[in-house]
């Protein structure tokens, strides 16, 4: 089959790899529609160390949209937790020294903050 690619996307007959800014839901939605994603089939979302980089408002909007758009889905979030313990504090300090700020770190402070998200 035909393969199409750009600087951020790769499309084949049964495979689509797309780059999108998760803070811009309309962009993400358009890309999924263009890829002919079937929003009605069971869908697994797996986010590994993703939402910690997105501010709380944008992450909440994304999760709300996913839940509404993909009504038969599950979201697995593998993320940092307990950011106030010694390990978390050392990690955050190292990231700050490198100019990497985690916009969603407040939602990773504990298991409870993760669950509220």
N, C-alpha and C. Protein backbone atom coordinates (compact mmCIF):
# COMPACT_ATOMS: atom_id res chain seq x y z
N UNK A 1 0.81 -1.19 0.00
CA UNK A 1 0.00 0.00 0.00
C UNK A 1 0.85 1.25 0.00
N UNK A 2 0.18 2.31 -0.21
CA UNK A 2 0.82 3.62 -0.26
C UNK A 2 1.22 4.09 1.14
N UNK A 3 2.39 4.67 1.22
CA UNK A 3 2.88 5.24 2.48
C UNK A 3 3.08 6.73 2.26
N UNK A 4 2.53 7.51 3.20
CA UNK A 4 2.67 8.97 3.15
C UNK A 4 3.35 9.41 4.44
N UNK A 5 4.24 10.38 4.30
CA UNK A 5 4.88 10.90 5.51
C UNK A 5 5.21 12.37 5.34
N UNK A 6 5.30 13.03 6.49
CA UNK A 6 5.72 14.43 6.53
C UNK A 6 6.71 14.56 7.68
N UNK A 7 7.03 15.76 8.08
CA UNK A 7 8.00 15.94 9.15
C UNK A 7 7.48 15.45 10.50
N UNK A 8 6.14 15.38 10.66
CA UNK A 8 5.58 14.95 11.94
C UNK A 8 4.68 13.72 11.85
N UNK A 9 4.32 13.28 10.65
CA UNK A 9 3.33 12.21 10.50
C UNK A 9 3.82 11.12 9.57
N UNK A 10 3.28 9.91 9.82
CA UNK A 10 3.56 8.76 8.98
C UNK A 10 2.25 7.99 8.83
N UNK A 11 1.83 7.76 7.59
CA UNK A 11 0.56 7.08 7.35
C UNK A 11 0.76 5.91 6.39
N UNK A 12 0.24 4.75 6.79
CA UNK A 12 0.21 3.56 5.95
C UNK A 12 -1.23 3.03 6.00
N UNK A 13 -1.49 1.95 5.31
CA UNK A 13 -2.85 1.43 5.21
C UNK A 13 -3.50 1.21 6.58
N UNK A 14 -2.81 0.57 7.49
CA UNK A 14 -3.38 0.25 8.80
C UNK A 14 -2.57 0.80 9.96
N UNK A 15 -1.79 1.84 9.69
CA UNK A 15 -0.93 2.40 10.73
C UNK A 15 -0.79 3.89 10.52
N UNK A 16 -0.99 4.65 11.60
CA UNK A 16 -0.85 6.10 11.54
C UNK A 16 -0.06 6.56 12.76
N UNK A 17 1.01 7.25 12.53
CA UNK A 17 1.83 7.83 13.58
C UNK A 17 1.79 9.34 13.36
N UNK A 18 1.23 10.07 14.33
CA UNK A 18 1.03 11.50 14.13
C UNK A 18 1.56 12.30 15.29
N UNK A 19 2.17 13.39 14.99
CA UNK A 19 2.61 14.32 16.01
C UNK A 19 1.55 15.40 16.17
N UNK A 20 1.25 15.74 17.42
CA UNK A 20 0.28 16.80 17.68
C UNK A 20 0.56 17.40 19.04
N UNK A 21 0.28 18.66 19.17
CA UNK A 21 0.38 19.35 20.44
C UNK A 21 -0.89 19.03 21.22
N UNK A 22 -0.77 18.29 22.30
CA UNK A 22 -1.93 17.83 23.05
C UNK A 22 -2.71 18.96 23.71
N UNK A 23 -2.14 20.15 23.72
CA UNK A 23 -2.86 21.31 24.25
C UNK A 23 -3.85 21.86 23.24
N UNK A 24 -3.72 21.44 21.98
CA UNK A 24 -4.59 21.94 20.90
C UNK A 24 -5.48 20.81 20.42
N UNK A 25 -6.60 20.64 21.09
CA UNK A 25 -7.49 19.52 20.82
C UNK A 25 -8.05 19.55 19.41
N UNK A 26 -8.34 20.73 18.88
CA UNK A 26 -8.90 20.79 17.52
C UNK A 26 -7.90 20.27 16.49
N UNK A 27 -6.62 20.55 16.68
CA UNK A 27 -5.57 20.02 15.79
C UNK A 27 -5.51 18.50 15.89
N UNK A 28 -5.53 17.99 17.11
CA UNK A 28 -5.51 16.55 17.33
C UNK A 28 -6.74 15.90 16.70
N UNK A 29 -7.90 16.48 16.92
CA UNK A 29 -9.14 15.95 16.36
C UNK A 29 -9.08 15.90 14.84
N UNK A 30 -8.62 16.98 14.23
CA UNK A 30 -8.52 17.01 12.76
C UNK A 30 -7.59 15.92 12.24
N UNK A 31 -6.48 15.72 12.91
CA UNK A 31 -5.54 14.68 12.47
C UNK A 31 -6.16 13.29 12.59
N UNK A 32 -6.89 13.04 13.66
CA UNK A 32 -7.54 11.74 13.84
C UNK A 32 -8.63 11.51 12.79
N UNK A 33 -9.37 12.55 12.47
CA UNK A 33 -10.41 12.44 11.43
C UNK A 33 -9.75 12.17 10.08
N UNK A 34 -8.70 12.89 9.76
CA UNK A 34 -7.99 12.68 8.49
C UNK A 34 -7.42 11.27 8.39
N UNK A 35 -7.04 10.70 9.52
CA UNK A 35 -6.50 9.34 9.52
C UNK A 35 -7.62 8.29 9.53
N UNK A 36 -8.85 8.76 9.51
CA UNK A 36 -10.04 7.91 9.48
C UNK A 36 -10.13 7.00 10.70
N UNK A 37 -9.80 7.55 11.85
CA UNK A 37 -9.92 6.82 13.10
C UNK A 37 -11.40 6.57 13.38
N UNK A 38 -11.72 5.35 13.78
CA UNK A 38 -13.08 4.99 14.14
C UNK A 38 -13.23 5.24 15.65
N UNK A 39 -13.93 6.30 16.01
CA UNK A 39 -14.07 6.70 17.40
C UNK A 39 -14.99 5.77 18.20
N UNK A 40 -15.67 4.85 17.51
CA UNK A 40 -16.64 3.99 18.19
C UNK A 40 -16.06 2.64 18.64
N UNK A 41 -14.88 2.29 18.17
CA UNK A 41 -14.33 0.97 18.54
C UNK A 41 -13.55 1.09 19.85
N UNK A 42 -13.40 -0.01 20.57
CA UNK A 42 -12.61 0.04 21.82
C UNK A 42 -11.20 0.57 21.56
N UNK A 43 -10.79 1.50 22.42
CA UNK A 43 -9.51 2.19 22.21
C UNK A 43 -8.75 2.25 23.53
N UNK A 44 -7.47 1.94 23.46
CA UNK A 44 -6.58 2.04 24.61
C UNK A 44 -5.66 3.25 24.41
N UNK A 45 -5.63 4.13 25.39
CA UNK A 45 -4.68 5.23 25.40
C UNK A 45 -3.63 4.92 26.44
N UNK A 46 -2.38 5.02 26.06
CA UNK A 46 -1.27 4.77 26.96
C UNK A 46 -0.39 6.02 26.98
N UNK A 47 -0.31 6.65 28.13
CA UNK A 47 0.51 7.85 28.27
C UNK A 47 1.62 7.56 29.28
N UNK A 48 2.84 7.55 28.82
CA UNK A 48 3.98 7.30 29.69
C UNK A 48 4.78 8.58 29.82
N UNK A 49 4.73 9.18 30.99
CA UNK A 49 5.44 10.44 31.25
C UNK A 49 5.10 11.49 30.21
N UNK A 50 3.81 11.71 30.00
CA UNK A 50 3.31 12.68 29.02
C UNK A 50 2.63 13.84 29.73
N UNK A 51 1.64 13.54 30.56
CA UNK A 51 0.81 14.60 31.14
C UNK A 51 1.58 15.49 32.10
N UNK A 52 2.68 15.03 32.64
CA UNK A 52 3.49 15.85 33.53
C UNK A 52 4.05 17.08 32.79
N UNK A 53 4.13 17.00 31.47
CA UNK A 53 4.63 18.12 30.67
C UNK A 53 3.53 19.09 30.23
N UNK A 54 2.27 18.75 30.56
CA UNK A 54 1.13 19.55 30.13
C UNK A 54 0.49 20.18 31.37
N UNK A 55 0.16 21.48 31.29
CA UNK A 55 -0.44 22.12 32.45
C UNK A 55 -1.80 21.50 32.77
N UNK A 56 -2.22 21.64 34.01
CA UNK A 56 -3.42 20.97 34.52
C UNK A 56 -4.67 21.28 33.71
N UNK A 57 -4.85 22.53 33.32
CA UNK A 57 -6.05 22.92 32.57
C UNK A 57 -6.09 22.21 31.22
N UNK A 58 -4.98 22.21 30.52
CA UNK A 58 -4.93 21.57 29.20
C UNK A 58 -5.05 20.05 29.33
N UNK A 59 -4.42 19.46 30.34
CA UNK A 59 -4.51 18.01 30.55
C UNK A 59 -5.94 17.61 30.86
N UNK A 60 -6.61 18.37 31.71
CA UNK A 60 -8.01 18.07 32.04
C UNK A 60 -8.89 18.18 30.81
N UNK A 61 -8.67 19.20 30.00
CA UNK A 61 -9.46 19.36 28.77
C UNK A 61 -9.23 18.19 27.82
N UNK A 62 -7.98 17.75 27.71
CA UNK A 62 -7.66 16.62 26.84
C UNK A 62 -8.36 15.35 27.32
N UNK A 63 -8.25 15.06 28.61
CA UNK A 63 -8.85 13.85 29.16
C UNK A 63 -10.38 13.88 29.03
N UNK A 64 -10.96 15.04 29.23
CA UNK A 64 -12.42 15.19 29.06
C UNK A 64 -12.80 14.92 27.62
N UNK A 65 -12.08 15.51 26.68
CA UNK A 65 -12.37 15.33 25.26
C UNK A 65 -12.22 13.87 24.84
N UNK A 66 -11.14 13.22 25.28
CA UNK A 66 -10.94 11.81 24.95
C UNK A 66 -12.09 10.96 25.46
N UNK A 67 -12.51 11.22 26.69
CA UNK A 67 -13.61 10.47 27.28
C UNK A 67 -14.92 10.65 26.55
N UNK A 68 -15.13 11.85 26.01
CA UNK A 68 -16.36 12.13 25.27
C UNK A 68 -16.29 11.59 23.84
N UNK A 69 -15.16 11.74 23.21
CA UNK A 69 -15.00 11.35 21.80
C UNK A 69 -14.89 9.84 21.65
N UNK A 70 -14.14 9.20 22.53
CA UNK A 70 -13.93 7.75 22.48
C UNK A 70 -14.71 7.14 23.65
N UNK A 71 -15.98 6.86 23.42
CA UNK A 71 -16.85 6.44 24.52
C UNK A 71 -16.56 5.02 25.00
N UNK A 72 -15.85 4.24 24.22
CA UNK A 72 -15.49 2.88 24.60
C UNK A 72 -13.96 2.80 24.69
N UNK A 73 -13.43 3.47 25.72
CA UNK A 73 -11.97 3.57 25.81
C UNK A 73 -11.50 3.44 27.25
N UNK A 74 -10.21 3.23 27.37
CA UNK A 74 -9.55 3.22 28.68
C UNK A 74 -8.26 4.02 28.54
N UNK A 75 -7.91 4.73 29.59
CA UNK A 75 -6.72 5.57 29.60
C UNK A 75 -5.78 5.07 30.68
N UNK A 76 -4.59 4.65 30.29
CA UNK A 76 -3.57 4.19 31.23
C UNK A 76 -2.52 5.28 31.32
N UNK A 77 -2.31 5.76 32.52
CA UNK A 77 -1.37 6.85 32.74
C UNK A 77 -0.22 6.35 33.61
N UNK A 78 0.96 6.27 33.03
CA UNK A 78 2.17 5.85 33.74
C UNK A 78 3.00 7.11 33.93
N UNK A 79 2.97 7.62 35.15
CA UNK A 79 3.50 8.95 35.38
C UNK A 79 4.25 9.00 36.70
N UNK A 80 5.04 10.03 36.88
CA UNK A 80 5.71 10.24 38.16
C UNK A 80 4.65 10.43 39.26
N UNK A 81 5.01 10.06 40.47
CA UNK A 81 4.14 10.27 41.62
C UNK A 81 5.04 10.48 42.84
N UNK A 82 4.49 11.09 43.87
CA UNK A 82 5.24 11.39 45.10
C UNK A 82 6.40 12.35 44.82
N UNK A 83 6.09 13.42 44.14
CA UNK A 83 7.13 14.37 43.75
C UNK A 83 7.68 15.17 44.93
N UNK A 84 7.08 15.04 46.09
CA UNK A 84 7.60 15.75 47.27
C UNK A 84 8.56 14.91 48.11
N UNK A 85 8.77 13.63 47.72
CA UNK A 85 9.75 12.84 48.46
C UNK A 85 11.16 13.22 47.99
N UNK A 86 12.17 12.68 48.65
CA UNK A 86 13.56 13.06 48.35
C UNK A 86 13.93 12.81 46.89
N UNK A 87 13.54 11.62 46.38
CA UNK A 87 13.85 11.30 44.98
C UNK A 87 13.19 12.31 44.04
N UNK A 88 11.92 12.62 44.29
CA UNK A 88 11.21 13.58 43.45
C UNK A 88 11.83 14.96 43.50
N UNK A 89 12.22 15.39 44.68
CA UNK A 89 12.84 16.71 44.82
C UNK A 89 14.18 16.79 44.09
N UNK A 90 14.99 15.73 44.19
CA UNK A 90 16.27 15.70 43.48
C UNK A 90 16.04 15.72 41.97
N UNK A 91 15.06 14.95 41.51
CA UNK A 91 14.75 14.92 40.08
C UNK A 91 14.30 16.31 39.59
N UNK A 92 13.41 16.94 40.34
CA UNK A 92 12.94 18.27 39.95
C UNK A 92 14.07 19.29 39.94
N UNK A 93 14.96 19.22 40.93
CA UNK A 93 16.10 20.15 40.99
C UNK A 93 17.01 19.94 39.77
N UNK A 94 17.28 18.68 39.43
CA UNK A 94 18.11 18.40 38.25
C UNK A 94 17.46 18.92 36.97
N UNK A 95 16.16 18.75 36.85
CA UNK A 95 15.46 19.25 35.66
C UNK A 95 15.48 20.78 35.62
N UNK A 96 15.26 21.43 36.78
CA UNK A 96 15.31 22.90 36.83
C UNK A 96 16.68 23.42 36.39
N UNK A 97 17.74 22.74 36.83
CA UNK A 97 19.10 23.15 36.44
C UNK A 97 19.30 23.09 34.94
N UNK A 98 18.55 22.24 34.28
CA UNK A 98 18.66 22.09 32.82
C UNK A 98 17.60 22.92 32.08
N UNK A 99 16.83 23.70 32.83
CA UNK A 99 15.82 24.54 32.22
C UNK A 99 14.55 23.80 31.82
N UNK A 100 14.34 22.61 32.38
CA UNK A 100 13.15 21.81 32.06
C UNK A 100 12.15 21.93 33.20
N UNK A 101 11.09 22.65 32.96
CA UNK A 101 10.05 22.78 33.97
C UNK A 101 8.89 21.88 33.58
N UNK A 102 8.34 21.18 34.54
CA UNK A 102 7.24 20.26 34.30
C UNK A 102 5.93 20.97 34.63
N UNK A 103 5.19 21.36 33.60
CA UNK A 103 3.99 22.17 33.77
C UNK A 103 2.90 21.46 34.57
N UNK A 104 2.87 20.13 34.53
CA UNK A 104 1.83 19.38 35.22
C UNK A 104 2.30 18.69 36.48
N UNK A 105 3.39 19.14 37.04
CA UNK A 105 3.99 18.45 38.19
C UNK A 105 3.07 18.46 39.41
N UNK A 106 2.25 19.48 39.56
CA UNK A 106 1.36 19.54 40.73
C UNK A 106 0.40 18.36 40.77
N UNK A 107 0.01 17.85 39.61
CA UNK A 107 -0.89 16.69 39.55
C UNK A 107 -0.16 15.39 39.80
N UNK A 108 1.16 15.45 39.96
CA UNK A 108 1.96 14.25 40.22
C UNK A 108 2.47 14.20 41.65
N UNK A 109 1.98 15.08 42.49
CA UNK A 109 2.50 15.14 43.86
C UNK A 109 2.17 13.91 44.68
N UNK A 110 1.03 13.27 44.38
CA UNK A 110 0.64 12.09 45.15
C UNK A 110 -0.30 11.23 44.31
N UNK A 111 -0.59 10.06 44.81
CA UNK A 111 -1.56 9.19 44.14
C UNK A 111 -2.92 9.88 44.07
N UNK A 112 -3.28 10.59 45.12
CA UNK A 112 -4.58 11.27 45.17
C UNK A 112 -4.67 12.36 44.10
N UNK A 113 -3.60 13.14 43.90
CA UNK A 113 -3.66 14.19 42.87
C UNK A 113 -3.74 13.57 41.48
N UNK A 114 -3.08 12.43 41.29
CA UNK A 114 -3.18 11.73 40.00
C UNK A 114 -4.61 11.26 39.77
N UNK A 115 -5.22 10.68 40.79
CA UNK A 115 -6.58 10.18 40.64
C UNK A 115 -7.58 11.30 40.40
N UNK A 116 -7.39 12.45 41.05
CA UNK A 116 -8.30 13.59 40.83
C UNK A 116 -8.22 14.08 39.39
N UNK A 117 -7.04 13.99 38.79
CA UNK A 117 -6.87 14.44 37.42
C UNK A 117 -7.83 13.65 36.53
